[in-house]
Amino acid sequence: MNPQAPVYVRAEDDAWLTVAWYQFHAWRGRRPFWAGLFTFVSGFPIAYFPYADLRLGNLSLAMATTGGAGALIIGVLLITLGLALWFQQAIRVFAGVASILLALVSLPVSNLGGFGLGFVPALIGGALALAWVPGQPGDEEPADQRQGGLDMAKAEAMAGLQDFPGQRETEMPAHASETTAHADGGRNSAG
């Protein structure tokens, strides 16, 4: 998808929705969005399951553990790290390492990391946060290159022109002697 492509809107009612979508898409592209989403989502099952109880008729199944407060702290920290990845990209390495460590700690503390529903997304989110690198803005290309046209010198250099025998850049000109080549370190004195 080309971010500079024109946006064509079918109806005026959809204009705000299209603009909002493109703004969200641009916002999402400048930060570790998926890392933040996985880390954010992983905090909920880790914090929820130690306090959850399942009722089947008269039977109540409680999953409370001794580490209930620890599970709540881990869950809230993962939610906070997920939000921090969205709004503070500079801490992505810290947040990635912290979410992986919190996911590992949630295994014994919080019912096997929320029965894996919190453990696995926390590991994925931490790995994505560590792998994400901010993009570098590209240099503005000249108008002839944007349109696909190249000047002849660049086209010849890219093609290599292997059909035509001739002097290469590393070869010495015909008038240079062996002592001239040694005097300038093997470099071409003419060019």
N, C-alpha and C. Protein backbone atom coordinates (compact mmCIF):
# COMPACT_ATOMS: atom_id res chain seq x y z
N MET A 1 0.84 -1.16 0.00
CA MET A 1 0.00 0.00 0.00
C MET A 1 0.89 1.23 0.00
N ASN A 2 0.63 2.13 -0.91
CA ASN A 2 1.43 3.33 -1.05
C ASN A 2 0.84 4.43 -0.19
N PRO A 3 1.59 4.95 0.79
CA PRO A 3 1.02 5.99 1.66
C PRO A 3 0.83 7.32 0.95
N GLN A 4 1.44 7.50 -0.23
CA GLN A 4 1.29 8.74 -0.96
C GLN A 4 0.23 8.64 -2.05
N ALA A 5 -0.41 7.50 -2.16
CA ALA A 5 -1.44 7.32 -3.17
C ALA A 5 -2.66 8.16 -2.83
N PRO A 6 -3.33 8.68 -3.84
CA PRO A 6 -4.53 9.48 -3.56
C PRO A 6 -5.64 8.61 -2.99
N VAL A 7 -6.43 9.20 -2.15
CA VAL A 7 -7.54 8.50 -1.52
C VAL A 7 -8.82 8.89 -2.25
N TYR A 8 -9.49 7.90 -2.78
CA TYR A 8 -10.75 8.16 -3.47
C TYR A 8 -11.89 7.73 -2.56
N VAL A 9 -12.79 8.65 -2.31
CA VAL A 9 -13.91 8.40 -1.40
C VAL A 9 -15.18 8.32 -2.23
N ARG A 10 -16.00 7.30 -1.97
CA ARG A 10 -17.22 7.10 -2.73
C ARG A 10 -18.34 8.03 -2.29
N ALA A 11 -18.53 8.18 -1.02
CA ALA A 11 -19.62 9.01 -0.52
C ALA A 11 -19.08 9.94 0.56
N GLU A 12 -19.76 11.05 0.75
CA GLU A 12 -19.30 12.00 1.75
C GLU A 12 -19.44 11.45 3.17
N ASP A 13 -20.37 10.55 3.39
CA ASP A 13 -20.55 9.97 4.73
C ASP A 13 -19.37 9.09 5.13
N ASP A 14 -18.73 8.48 4.15
CA ASP A 14 -17.59 7.61 4.44
C ASP A 14 -16.27 8.37 4.54
N ALA A 15 -16.29 9.67 4.28
CA ALA A 15 -15.04 10.44 4.25
C ALA A 15 -14.36 10.46 5.61
N TRP A 16 -15.08 10.69 6.67
CA TRP A 16 -14.46 10.74 7.99
C TRP A 16 -13.92 9.38 8.40
N LEU A 17 -14.62 8.32 7.98
CA LEU A 17 -14.16 6.97 8.31
C LEU A 17 -12.88 6.64 7.55
N THR A 18 -12.81 7.04 6.30
CA THR A 18 -11.60 6.81 5.51
C THR A 18 -10.43 7.61 6.05
N VAL A 19 -10.67 8.85 6.38
CA VAL A 19 -9.61 9.69 6.94
C VAL A 19 -9.14 9.12 8.28
N ALA A 20 -10.07 8.70 9.10
CA ALA A 20 -9.70 8.11 10.40
C ALA A 20 -8.89 6.84 10.21
N TRP A 21 -9.28 6.01 9.22
CA TRP A 21 -8.53 4.78 8.98
C TRP A 21 -7.11 5.09 8.54
N TYR A 22 -6.91 6.04 7.62
CA TYR A 22 -5.57 6.37 7.15
C TYR A 22 -4.74 7.02 8.26
N GLN A 23 -5.36 7.81 9.11
CA GLN A 23 -4.62 8.39 10.23
C GLN A 23 -4.20 7.30 11.22
N PHE A 24 -5.09 6.35 11.49
CA PHE A 24 -4.74 5.23 12.37
C PHE A 24 -3.64 4.40 11.74
N HIS A 25 -3.72 4.16 10.43
CA HIS A 25 -2.70 3.38 9.74
C HIS A 25 -1.35 4.06 9.82
N ALA A 26 -1.32 5.38 9.67
CA ALA A 26 -0.06 6.12 9.78
C ALA A 26 0.46 6.10 11.21
N TRP A 27 -0.45 6.25 12.19
CA TRP A 27 -0.06 6.20 13.60
C TRP A 27 0.53 4.83 13.94
N ARG A 28 -0.12 3.79 13.47
CA ARG A 28 0.30 2.42 13.75
C ARG A 28 1.66 2.11 13.13
N GLY A 29 1.97 2.72 11.99
CA GLY A 29 3.23 2.43 11.31
C GLY A 29 4.44 3.06 11.97
N ARG A 30 4.24 4.01 12.86
CA ARG A 30 5.37 4.69 13.50
C ARG A 30 5.70 4.15 14.88
N ARG A 31 5.14 3.03 15.27
CA ARG A 31 5.37 2.50 16.61
C ARG A 31 5.24 0.97 16.59
N PRO A 32 5.72 0.28 17.62
CA PRO A 32 5.58 -1.19 17.66
C PRO A 32 4.14 -1.57 18.04
N PHE A 33 3.23 -1.38 17.11
CA PHE A 33 1.80 -1.56 17.40
C PHE A 33 1.48 -2.99 17.81
N TRP A 34 1.91 -3.96 17.02
CA TRP A 34 1.55 -5.34 17.32
C TRP A 34 2.20 -5.83 18.60
N ALA A 35 3.39 -5.38 18.89
CA ALA A 35 4.04 -5.74 20.15
C ALA A 35 3.22 -5.21 21.32
N GLY A 36 2.76 -3.96 21.22
CA GLY A 36 1.94 -3.38 22.27
C GLY A 36 0.61 -4.09 22.40
N LEU A 37 0.01 -4.48 21.27
CA LEU A 37 -1.29 -5.16 21.32
C LEU A 37 -1.17 -6.53 21.99
N PHE A 38 -0.18 -7.31 21.59
CA PHE A 38 -0.01 -8.64 22.20
C PHE A 38 0.30 -8.51 23.70
N THR A 39 1.15 -7.57 24.06
CA THR A 39 1.50 -7.39 25.47
C THR A 39 0.29 -6.91 26.27
N PHE A 40 -0.46 -5.98 25.71
CA PHE A 40 -1.66 -5.45 26.36
C PHE A 40 -2.69 -6.55 26.59
N VAL A 41 -2.95 -7.34 25.58
CA VAL A 41 -3.97 -8.40 25.67
C VAL A 41 -3.53 -9.49 26.63
N SER A 42 -2.23 -9.75 26.73
CA SER A 42 -1.75 -10.84 27.59
C SER A 42 -1.97 -10.56 29.07
N GLY A 43 -2.09 -9.31 29.44
CA GLY A 43 -2.27 -8.99 30.85
C GLY A 43 -3.63 -9.39 31.39
N PHE A 44 -4.66 -9.40 30.57
CA PHE A 44 -6.01 -9.69 31.05
C PHE A 44 -6.21 -11.12 31.55
N PRO A 45 -5.84 -12.16 30.78
CA PRO A 45 -6.05 -13.52 31.34
C PRO A 45 -5.15 -13.81 32.54
N ILE A 46 -3.96 -13.22 32.55
CA ILE A 46 -3.07 -13.46 33.70
C ILE A 46 -3.67 -12.87 34.96
N ALA A 47 -4.27 -11.70 34.86
CA ALA A 47 -4.86 -11.05 36.03
C ALA A 47 -6.24 -11.63 36.36
N TYR A 48 -6.96 -12.14 35.37
CA TYR A 48 -8.35 -12.57 35.59
C TYR A 48 -8.48 -13.96 36.22
N PHE A 49 -7.75 -14.94 35.70
CA PHE A 49 -7.99 -16.33 36.10
C PHE A 49 -7.78 -16.62 37.58
N PRO A 50 -6.83 -16.02 38.29
CA PRO A 50 -6.73 -16.32 39.73
C PRO A 50 -7.95 -15.85 40.53
N TYR A 51 -8.70 -14.89 40.01
CA TYR A 51 -9.87 -14.39 40.73
C TYR A 51 -11.18 -14.91 40.16
N ALA A 52 -11.12 -15.67 39.09
CA ALA A 52 -12.34 -16.15 38.43
C ALA A 52 -12.90 -17.36 39.15
N ASP A 53 -14.20 -17.49 39.11
CA ASP A 53 -14.83 -18.72 39.58
C ASP A 53 -15.89 -19.11 38.55
N LEU A 54 -15.98 -20.40 38.36
CA LEU A 54 -16.88 -20.95 37.35
C LEU A 54 -18.03 -21.63 38.09
N ARG A 55 -19.25 -21.29 37.74
CA ARG A 55 -20.43 -21.87 38.39
C ARG A 55 -21.15 -22.78 37.40
N LEU A 56 -21.24 -24.02 37.76
CA LEU A 56 -21.99 -25.01 36.98
C LEU A 56 -23.12 -25.53 37.86
N GLY A 57 -24.27 -24.89 37.77
CA GLY A 57 -25.39 -25.25 38.65
C GLY A 57 -25.05 -24.89 40.08
N ASN A 58 -25.05 -25.91 40.97
CA ASN A 58 -24.71 -25.69 42.37
C ASN A 58 -23.22 -25.85 42.63
N LEU A 59 -22.48 -26.23 41.62
CA LEU A 59 -21.06 -26.46 41.77
C LEU A 59 -20.29 -25.18 41.43
N SER A 60 -19.46 -24.74 42.35
CA SER A 60 -18.65 -23.55 42.13
C SER A 60 -17.18 -23.97 42.07
N LEU A 61 -16.55 -23.66 41.00
CA LEU A 61 -15.16 -24.01 40.81
C LEU A 61 -14.33 -22.74 40.88
N ALA A 62 -13.56 -22.59 41.95
CA ALA A 62 -12.73 -21.40 42.13
C ALA A 62 -11.29 -21.74 41.79
N MET A 63 -10.62 -20.81 41.14
CA MET A 63 -9.24 -21.04 40.76
C MET A 63 -8.30 -20.12 41.51
N ALA A 64 -8.67 -19.70 42.68
CA ALA A 64 -7.85 -18.78 43.46
C ALA A 64 -6.56 -19.49 43.88
N THR A 65 -5.48 -18.75 43.78
CA THR A 65 -4.18 -19.29 44.17
C THR A 65 -3.59 -18.41 45.26
N THR A 66 -2.50 -18.87 45.82
CA THR A 66 -1.84 -18.06 46.84
C THR A 66 -1.17 -16.85 46.22
N GLY A 67 -0.90 -16.91 44.95
CA GLY A 67 -0.25 -15.79 44.27
C GLY A 67 -1.24 -14.88 43.57
N GLY A 68 -2.45 -14.74 44.10
CA GLY A 68 -3.46 -13.90 43.46
C GLY A 68 -3.03 -12.46 43.32
N ALA A 69 -2.43 -11.91 44.34
CA ALA A 69 -1.97 -10.52 44.27
C ALA A 69 -0.81 -10.41 43.28
N GLY A 70 0.05 -11.40 43.26
CA GLY A 70 1.16 -11.39 42.30
C GLY A 70 0.66 -11.47 40.87
N ALA A 71 -0.38 -12.28 40.65
CA ALA A 71 -0.95 -12.38 39.31
C ALA A 71 -1.59 -11.06 38.89
N LEU A 72 -2.25 -10.39 39.83
CA LEU A 72 -2.85 -9.10 39.52
C LEU A 72 -1.77 -8.07 39.17
N ILE A 73 -0.69 -8.08 39.91
CA ILE A 73 0.41 -7.15 39.64
C ILE A 73 1.04 -7.44 38.27
N ILE A 74 1.27 -8.71 37.97
CA ILE A 74 1.85 -9.08 36.67
C ILE A 74 0.91 -8.66 35.53
N GLY A 75 -0.38 -8.92 35.70
CA GLY A 75 -1.33 -8.55 34.67
C GLY A 75 -1.39 -7.05 34.43
N VAL A 76 -1.43 -6.28 35.51
CA VAL A 76 -1.48 -4.82 35.38
C VAL A 76 -0.18 -4.30 34.76
N LEU A 77 0.96 -4.87 35.14
CA LEU A 77 2.23 -4.44 34.54
C LEU A 77 2.28 -4.74 33.04
N LEU A 78 1.76 -5.90 32.63
CA LEU A 78 1.75 -6.22 31.21
C LEU A 78 0.83 -5.29 30.44
N ILE A 79 -0.32 -4.95 31.01
CA ILE A 79 -1.22 -3.99 30.36
C ILE A 79 -0.54 -2.64 30.23
N THR A 80 0.13 -2.22 31.29
CA THR A 80 0.84 -0.93 31.27
C THR A 80 1.98 -0.94 30.25
N LEU A 81 2.72 -2.04 30.17
CA LEU A 81 3.81 -2.13 29.20
C LEU A 81 3.27 -2.10 27.77
N GLY A 82 2.12 -2.73 27.55
CA GLY A 82 1.51 -2.69 26.21
C GLY A 82 1.13 -1.28 25.81
N LEU A 83 0.55 -0.52 26.74
CA LEU A 83 0.21 0.87 26.45
C LEU A 83 1.47 1.72 26.28
N ALA A 84 2.49 1.44 27.06
CA ALA A 84 3.74 2.19 26.96
C ALA A 84 4.42 1.94 25.61
N LEU A 85 4.30 0.74 25.08
CA LEU A 85 4.87 0.47 23.76
C LEU A 85 4.18 1.30 22.69
N TRP A 86 2.91 1.58 22.85
CA TRP A 86 2.19 2.39 21.87
C TRP A 86 2.56 3.86 21.95
N PHE A 87 2.75 4.36 23.16
CA PHE A 87 2.91 5.80 23.33
C PHE A 87 4.33 6.25 23.67
N GLN A 88 5.21 5.34 24.03
CA GLN A 88 6.61 5.66 24.34
C GLN A 88 7.51 4.63 23.64
N GLN A 89 7.78 4.86 22.36
CA GLN A 89 8.54 3.89 21.59
C GLN A 89 9.99 3.77 22.06
N ALA A 90 10.49 4.76 22.75
CA ALA A 90 11.88 4.75 23.18
C ALA A 90 12.17 3.64 24.21
N ILE A 91 11.15 3.17 24.91
CA ILE A 91 11.38 2.15 25.93
C ILE A 91 11.09 0.75 25.42
N ARG A 92 11.11 0.56 24.10
CA ARG A 92 10.72 -0.72 23.52
C ARG A 92 11.61 -1.87 23.97
N VAL A 93 12.92 -1.63 24.14
CA VAL A 93 13.81 -2.71 24.57
C VAL A 93 13.51 -3.09 26.01
N PHE A 94 13.37 -2.10 26.88
CA PHE A 94 13.01 -2.38 28.28
C PHE A 94 11.67 -3.09 28.36
N ALA A 95 10.68 -2.58 27.63
CA ALA A 95 9.34 -3.18 27.68
C ALA A 95 9.34 -4.60 27.14
N GLY A 96 10.13 -4.86 26.10
CA GLY A 96 10.21 -6.21 25.55
C GLY A 96 10.82 -7.19 26.53
N VAL A 97 11.93 -6.79 27.14
CA VAL A 97 12.58 -7.67 28.12
C VAL A 97 11.68 -7.86 29.34
N ALA A 98 11.06 -6.79 29.80
CA ALA A 98 10.19 -6.87 30.98
C ALA A 98 8.98 -7.75 30.71
N SER A 99 8.38 -7.66 29.53
CA SER A 99 7.21 -8.49 29.26
C SER A 99 7.58 -9.97 29.14
N ILE A 100 8.77 -10.26 28.60
CA ILE A 100 9.19 -11.66 28.55
C ILE A 100 9.45 -12.19 29.95
N LEU A 101 10.11 -11.40 30.79
CA LEU A 101 10.36 -11.83 32.17
C LEU A 101 9.07 -11.99 32.96
N LEU A 102 8.13 -11.04 32.78
CA LEU A 102 6.85 -11.16 33.48
C LEU A 102 6.06 -12.37 32.99
N ALA A 103 6.16 -12.69 31.71
CA ALA A 103 5.49 -13.88 31.20
C ALA A 103 6.07 -15.13 31.83
N LEU A 104 7.38 -15.18 31.98
CA LEU A 104 8.00 -16.34 32.61
C LEU A 104 7.65 -16.45 34.09
N VAL A 105 7.57 -15.31 34.76
CA VAL A 105 7.19 -15.33 36.18
C VAL A 105 5.73 -15.72 36.35
N SER A 106 4.90 -15.42 35.34
CA SER A 106 3.47 -15.75 35.45
C SER A 106 3.20 -17.25 35.39
N LEU A 107 4.15 -18.03 34.92
CA LEU A 107 3.93 -19.48 34.87
C LEU A 107 3.67 -20.06 36.27
N PRO A 108 4.55 -19.86 37.25
CA PRO A 108 4.24 -20.43 38.56
C PRO A 108 3.26 -19.59 39.39
N VAL A 109 3.16 -18.30 39.10
CA VAL A 109 2.36 -17.42 39.95
C VAL A 109 0.89 -17.41 39.55
N SER A 110 0.60 -17.45 38.27
CA SER A 110 -0.75 -17.19 37.81
C SER A 110 -1.31 -18.33 36.97
N ASN A 111 -1.51 -19.47 37.54
CA ASN A 111 -2.15 -20.60 36.85
C ASN A 111 -1.55 -20.85 35.47
N LEU A 112 -0.27 -21.12 35.46
CA LEU A 112 0.46 -21.38 34.21
C LEU A 112 0.30 -20.25 33.21
N GLY A 113 0.45 -19.04 33.70
CA GLY A 113 0.38 -17.87 32.83
C GLY A 113 -0.99 -17.67 32.24
N GLY A 114 -2.02 -17.80 33.05
CA GLY A 114 -3.38 -17.66 32.54
C GLY A 114 -3.73 -18.79 31.59
N PHE A 115 -3.29 -20.00 31.92
CA PHE A 115 -3.49 -21.20 31.11
C PHE A 115 -2.93 -21.03 29.70
N GLY A 116 -1.84 -20.31 29.59
CA GLY A 116 -1.20 -20.09 28.30
C GLY A 116 -1.82 -18.96 27.49
N LEU A 117 -3.01 -18.52 27.88
CA LEU A 117 -3.68 -17.45 27.15
C LEU A 117 -3.03 -16.10 27.39
N GLY A 118 -2.27 -15.97 28.45
CA GLY A 118 -1.53 -14.75 28.71
C GLY A 118 -0.04 -14.93 28.50
N PHE A 119 0.44 -16.13 28.75
CA PHE A 119 1.87 -16.43 28.64
C PHE A 119 2.36 -16.30 27.19
N VAL A 120 1.68 -16.94 26.26
CA VAL A 120 2.11 -16.96 24.86
C VAL A 120 2.05 -15.56 24.23
N PRO A 121 0.93 -14.81 24.38
CA PRO A 121 0.95 -13.46 23.79
C PRO A 121 1.98 -12.53 24.44
N ALA A 122 2.27 -12.71 25.72
CA ALA A 122 3.29 -11.87 26.36
C ALA A 122 4.67 -12.17 25.77
N LEU A 123 4.97 -13.42 25.52
CA LEU A 123 6.24 -13.77 24.89
C LEU A 123 6.32 -13.22 23.47
N ILE A 124 5.24 -13.35 22.71
CA ILE A 124 5.22 -12.83 21.34
C ILE A 124 5.36 -11.31 21.35
N GLY A 125 4.61 -10.65 22.23
CA GLY A 125 4.69 -9.19 22.31
C GLY A 125 6.07 -8.71 22.71
N GLY A 126 6.70 -9.39 23.66
CA GLY A 126 8.06 -9.02 24.06
C GLY A 126 9.06 -9.22 22.94
N ALA A 127 8.92 -10.33 22.22
CA ALA A 127 9.83 -10.58 21.10
C ALA A 127 9.63 -9.55 19.99
N LEU A 128 8.38 -9.20 19.70
CA LEU A 128 8.12 -8.19 18.68
C LEU A 128 8.65 -6.83 19.10
N ALA A 129 8.55 -6.51 20.39
CA ALA A 129 9.08 -5.23 20.87
C ALA A 129 10.59 -5.17 20.73
N LEU A 130 11.26 -6.28 21.00
CA LEU A 130 12.71 -6.30 20.86
C LEU A 130 13.13 -6.26 19.39
N ALA A 131 12.32 -6.80 18.51
CA ALA A 131 12.68 -6.87 17.09
C ALA A 131 12.32 -5.59 16.33
N TRP A 132 11.42 -4.79 16.86
CA TRP A 132 10.97 -3.60 16.13
C TRP A 132 12.05 -2.53 16.13
N VAL A 133 12.26 -1.92 14.96
CA VAL A 133 13.21 -0.83 14.81
C VAL A 133 12.50 0.30 14.08
N PRO A 134 12.61 1.53 14.57
CA PRO A 134 11.94 2.62 13.86
C PRO A 134 12.49 2.80 12.47
N GLY A 135 11.62 3.11 11.53
CA GLY A 135 12.03 3.29 10.14
C GLY A 135 12.75 4.61 9.94
N GLN A 136 13.60 4.64 8.94
CA GLN A 136 14.33 5.85 8.59
C GLN A 136 13.59 6.52 7.44
N PRO A 137 13.38 7.82 7.51
CA PRO A 137 12.72 8.49 6.39
C PRO A 137 13.61 8.43 5.15
N GLY A 138 13.01 8.12 4.01
CA GLY A 138 13.75 8.00 2.78
C GLY A 138 14.09 9.35 2.18
N ASP A 139 15.17 9.40 1.42
CA ASP A 139 15.55 10.63 0.73
C ASP A 139 14.57 10.86 -0.42
N GLU A 140 14.32 12.10 -0.68
CA GLU A 140 13.43 12.45 -1.77
C GLU A 140 14.14 12.15 -3.08
N GLU A 141 13.49 11.38 -3.96
CA GLU A 141 14.08 11.03 -5.24
C GLU A 141 13.80 12.12 -6.26
N PRO A 142 14.70 12.31 -7.20
CA PRO A 142 14.42 13.27 -8.27
C PRO A 142 13.21 12.85 -9.08
N ALA A 143 12.59 13.81 -9.75
CA ALA A 143 11.35 13.55 -10.47
C ALA A 143 11.54 12.53 -11.59
N ASP A 144 12.72 12.52 -12.25
CA ASP A 144 12.89 11.58 -13.35
C ASP A 144 12.99 10.14 -12.85
N GLN A 145 13.50 9.93 -11.64
CA GLN A 145 13.57 8.57 -11.10
C GLN A 145 12.22 8.12 -10.58
N ARG A 146 11.42 9.02 -10.05
CA ARG A 146 10.09 8.63 -9.58
C ARG A 146 9.24 8.17 -10.73
N GLN A 147 9.44 8.76 -11.91
CA GLN A 147 8.63 8.40 -13.06
C GLN A 147 9.19 7.20 -13.79
N GLY A 148 10.27 6.68 -13.32
CA GLY A 148 10.82 5.47 -13.93
C GLY A 148 11.94 5.75 -14.92
N GLY A 149 12.22 7.01 -15.26
CA GLY A 149 13.26 7.33 -16.22
C GLY A 149 14.62 7.43 -15.55
N LEU A 150 15.66 6.92 -16.20
CA LEU A 150 17.02 7.02 -15.68
C LEU A 150 17.89 7.67 -16.74
N ASP A 151 18.89 8.40 -16.31
CA ASP A 151 19.79 8.94 -17.31
C ASP A 151 20.68 7.81 -17.83
N MET A 152 21.31 8.05 -18.95
CA MET A 152 22.04 7.00 -19.66
C MET A 152 23.23 6.47 -18.85
N ALA A 153 23.93 7.35 -18.14
CA ALA A 153 25.11 6.90 -17.37
C ALA A 153 24.72 5.92 -16.27
N LYS A 154 23.62 6.21 -15.59
CA LYS A 154 23.18 5.30 -14.53
C LYS A 154 22.68 4.00 -15.12
N ALA A 155 22.00 4.07 -16.25
CA ALA A 155 21.52 2.85 -16.89
C ALA A 155 22.68 1.98 -17.33
N GLU A 156 23.75 2.60 -17.88
CA GLU A 156 24.92 1.83 -18.30
C GLU A 156 25.63 1.23 -17.10
N ALA A 157 25.73 1.98 -16.02
CA ALA A 157 26.39 1.46 -14.83
C ALA A 157 25.62 0.31 -14.23
N MET A 158 24.29 0.40 -14.26
CA MET A 158 23.49 -0.68 -13.70
C MET A 158 23.53 -1.91 -14.60
N ALA A 159 23.56 -1.70 -15.92
CA ALA A 159 23.57 -2.83 -16.85
C ALA A 159 24.94 -3.50 -16.90
N GLY A 160 25.98 -2.74 -16.64
CA GLY A 160 27.32 -3.31 -16.66
C GLY A 160 27.96 -3.27 -18.02
N LEU A 161 27.19 -3.18 -19.07
CA LEU A 161 27.68 -3.16 -20.44
C LEU A 161 28.77 -4.20 -20.65
N GLN A 162 28.45 -5.43 -20.46
CA GLN A 162 29.42 -6.50 -20.62
C GLN A 162 29.62 -6.85 -22.09
N ASP A 163 28.79 -6.31 -22.98
CA ASP A 163 28.93 -6.62 -24.40
C ASP A 163 30.16 -5.94 -24.99
N PHE A 164 30.51 -4.77 -24.48
CA PHE A 164 31.54 -3.94 -25.08
C PHE A 164 32.81 -4.07 -24.24
N PRO A 165 33.88 -4.61 -24.85
CA PRO A 165 35.13 -4.65 -24.10
C PRO A 165 35.70 -3.25 -23.96
N GLY A 166 36.27 -2.98 -22.85
CA GLY A 166 36.85 -1.67 -22.62
C GLY A 166 37.55 -1.63 -21.28
N GLN A 167 38.05 -0.48 -20.97
CA GLN A 167 38.79 -0.31 -19.74
C GLN A 167 37.82 -0.27 -18.56
N ARG A 168 38.13 -1.01 -17.53
CA ARG A 168 37.34 -0.99 -16.31
C ARG A 168 37.87 0.10 -15.40
N GLU A 169 37.13 0.44 -14.37
CA GLU A 169 37.56 1.48 -13.45
C GLU A 169 38.85 1.12 -12.72
N THR A 170 39.07 -0.17 -12.49
CA THR A 170 40.25 -0.59 -11.74
C THR A 170 41.47 -0.76 -12.62
N GLU A 171 41.30 -0.75 -13.93
CA GLU A 171 42.44 -0.93 -14.83
C GLU A 171 43.17 0.38 -15.03
N MET A 172 44.44 0.28 -15.37
CA MET A 172 45.27 1.44 -15.63
C MET A 172 45.06 1.89 -17.08
N PRO A 173 45.17 3.19 -17.33
CA PRO A 173 45.07 3.62 -18.73
C PRO A 173 46.26 3.12 -19.54
N ALA A 174 46.13 3.13 -20.83
CA ALA A 174 47.16 2.56 -21.71
C ALA A 174 48.48 3.30 -21.61
N HIS A 175 48.48 4.58 -21.31
CA HIS A 175 49.73 5.34 -21.27
C HIS A 175 50.46 5.22 -19.94
N ALA A 176 49.88 4.60 -18.93
CA ALA A 176 50.55 4.48 -17.64
C ALA A 176 51.53 3.32 -17.68
N SER A 177 52.69 3.54 -17.11
CA SER A 177 53.68 2.47 -17.06
C SER A 177 53.59 1.75 -15.72
N GLU A 178 54.37 0.71 -15.60
CA GLU A 178 54.36 -0.06 -14.36
C GLU A 178 54.88 0.76 -13.20
N THR A 179 55.86 1.62 -13.42
CA THR A 179 56.39 2.45 -12.34
C THR A 179 55.38 3.51 -11.93
N THR A 180 54.58 3.99 -12.85
CA THR A 180 53.52 4.94 -12.50
C THR A 180 52.49 4.26 -11.61
N ALA A 181 52.16 3.03 -11.92
CA ALA A 181 51.19 2.29 -11.12
C ALA A 181 51.71 2.08 -9.70
N HIS A 182 53.05 1.81 -9.58
CA HIS A 182 53.59 1.60 -8.24
C HIS A 182 53.72 2.92 -7.48
N ALA A 183 53.97 4.00 -8.17
CA ALA A 183 54.18 5.29 -7.52
C ALA A 183 52.91 5.80 -6.86
N ASP A 184 51.78 5.56 -7.49
CA ASP A 184 50.54 6.06 -6.87
C ASP A 184 49.77 4.96 -6.15
N GLY A 185 50.41 3.90 -5.81
CA GLY A 185 49.77 2.84 -5.05
C GLY A 185 48.84 1.97 -5.87
N GLY A 186 48.96 1.98 -7.15
CA GLY A 186 48.11 1.15 -7.99
C GLY A 186 46.85 1.85 -8.42
N ARG A 187 46.68 3.09 -7.97
CA ARG A 187 45.48 3.82 -8.35
C ARG A 187 45.69 4.53 -9.67
N ASN A 188 44.62 4.84 -10.31
CA ASN A 188 44.67 5.52 -11.58
C ASN A 188 44.93 7.01 -11.32
N SER A 189 46.02 7.56 -11.86
CA SER A 189 46.34 8.96 -11.62
C SER A 189 45.50 9.89 -12.48
N ALA A 190 44.90 9.38 -13.54
CA ALA A 190 44.11 10.23 -14.43
C ALA A 190 42.72 10.47 -13.89
N GLY A 191 42.18 9.57 -13.07
CA GLY A 191 40.77 9.70 -12.73
C GLY A 191 40.53 9.95 -11.34
